[in-house]
């Protein structure tokens, strides 16, 4: 029984290797490998926008008023003047 399992496992491993390294699929795999870098600039912009939005939401919560966000740099300067 073990011998059959070893043979079937070996055949399955070789089949996966053949499929992965087949010349027909090389172009597709190269394109797929570049996908994380394709939208890098867009990802950076999205992260900046999300961070700015969170900062604005946090400043509204600290202000205690929902009518307008507080400029955090101004609030920070006020705190330093008082020290």
Protein backbone atom coordinates (compact mmCIF):
# COMPACT_ATOMS: atom_id res chain seq x y z
CA UNK A 1 0.00 0.00 0.00
CA UNK A 2 2.84 2.44 0.83
CA UNK A 3 4.50 1.77 -2.49
CA UNK A 4 1.34 2.70 -4.36
CA UNK A 5 1.08 5.94 -2.35
CA UNK A 6 4.72 6.79 -3.08
CA UNK A 7 4.25 6.14 -6.80
CA UNK A 8 1.02 8.20 -6.95
CA UNK A 9 2.63 11.03 -4.97
CA UNK A 10 5.64 11.03 -7.28
CA UNK A 11 3.43 11.09 -10.37
CA UNK A 12 1.38 13.96 -8.95
CA UNK A 13 4.56 15.92 -8.09
CA UNK A 14 5.99 15.41 -11.58
CA UNK A 15 2.67 16.44 -13.15
CA UNK A 16 2.63 19.69 -11.16
CA UNK A 17 6.26 20.40 -12.07
CA UNK A 18 5.55 19.77 -15.74
CA UNK A 19 2.51 22.05 -15.62
CA UNK A 20 4.36 24.86 -13.81
CA UNK A 21 7.44 24.83 -16.03
CA UNK A 22 5.66 24.27 -19.33
CA UNK A 23 6.84 26.73 -22.02
CA UNK A 24 3.20 27.50 -22.90
CA UNK A 25 2.58 29.00 -19.47
CA UNK A 26 5.83 30.95 -19.14
CA UNK A 27 4.41 34.23 -20.51
CA UNK A 28 1.36 34.07 -18.24
CA UNK A 29 3.46 33.41 -15.15
CA UNK A 30 5.81 36.29 -16.01
CA UNK A 31 2.85 38.67 -16.32
CA UNK A 32 1.37 37.38 -13.06
CA UNK A 33 4.71 37.92 -11.31
CA UNK A 34 4.62 41.61 -12.27
CA UNK A 35 1.07 42.23 -10.96
CA UNK A 36 2.08 43.43 -7.47
CA UNK A 37 4.20 46.17 -9.04
CA UNK A 38 1.71 47.24 -11.73
CA UNK A 39 -0.47 49.33 -9.41
CA UNK A 40 2.27 50.48 -7.05
CA UNK A 41 1.80 54.18 -7.75
CA UNK A 42 -1.97 53.89 -7.41
CA UNK A 43 -1.55 52.00 -4.14
CA UNK A 44 0.67 54.74 -2.75
CA UNK A 45 -1.93 57.38 -3.64
CA UNK A 46 -4.72 55.30 -2.11
CA UNK A 47 -2.76 54.80 1.10
CA UNK A 48 -2.06 58.54 1.32
CA UNK A 49 -5.74 59.38 0.76
CA UNK A 50 -6.87 56.88 3.39
CA UNK A 51 -4.34 58.20 5.89
CA UNK A 52 -5.41 61.79 5.26
CA UNK A 53 -9.07 60.86 5.63
CA UNK A 54 -8.40 59.06 8.92
CA UNK A 55 -6.40 62.03 10.19
CA UNK A 56 -9.29 64.36 9.33
CA UNK A 57 -11.78 62.08 11.09
CA UNK A 58 -9.56 61.88 14.17
CA UNK A 59 -9.22 65.65 14.32
CA UNK A 60 -13.03 66.05 14.23
CA UNK A 61 -13.34 63.62 17.13
CA UNK A 62 -10.68 65.47 19.15
CA UNK A 63 -12.34 68.79 18.42
CA UNK A 64 -15.64 67.50 19.76
CA UNK A 65 -17.53 69.24 17.00
CA UNK A 66 -18.74 67.64 13.84
CA UNK A 67 -19.03 70.87 11.91
CA UNK A 68 -15.41 71.25 10.74
CA UNK A 69 -12.09 69.45 11.13
CA UNK A 70 -9.36 71.04 13.21
CA UNK A 71 -5.99 71.75 11.68
CA UNK A 72 -3.79 69.40 13.67
CA UNK A 73 -0.66 71.48 13.15
CA UNK A 74 -2.40 74.49 14.75
CA UNK A 75 -3.58 72.39 17.70
CA UNK A 76 -0.07 71.04 18.14
CA UNK A 77 1.41 74.56 18.16
CA UNK A 78 -1.11 75.70 20.78
CA UNK A 79 -0.03 72.88 23.06
CA UNK A 80 3.62 73.82 22.70
CA UNK A 81 2.94 77.50 23.44
CA UNK A 82 1.25 76.54 26.71
CA UNK A 83 4.26 74.46 27.83
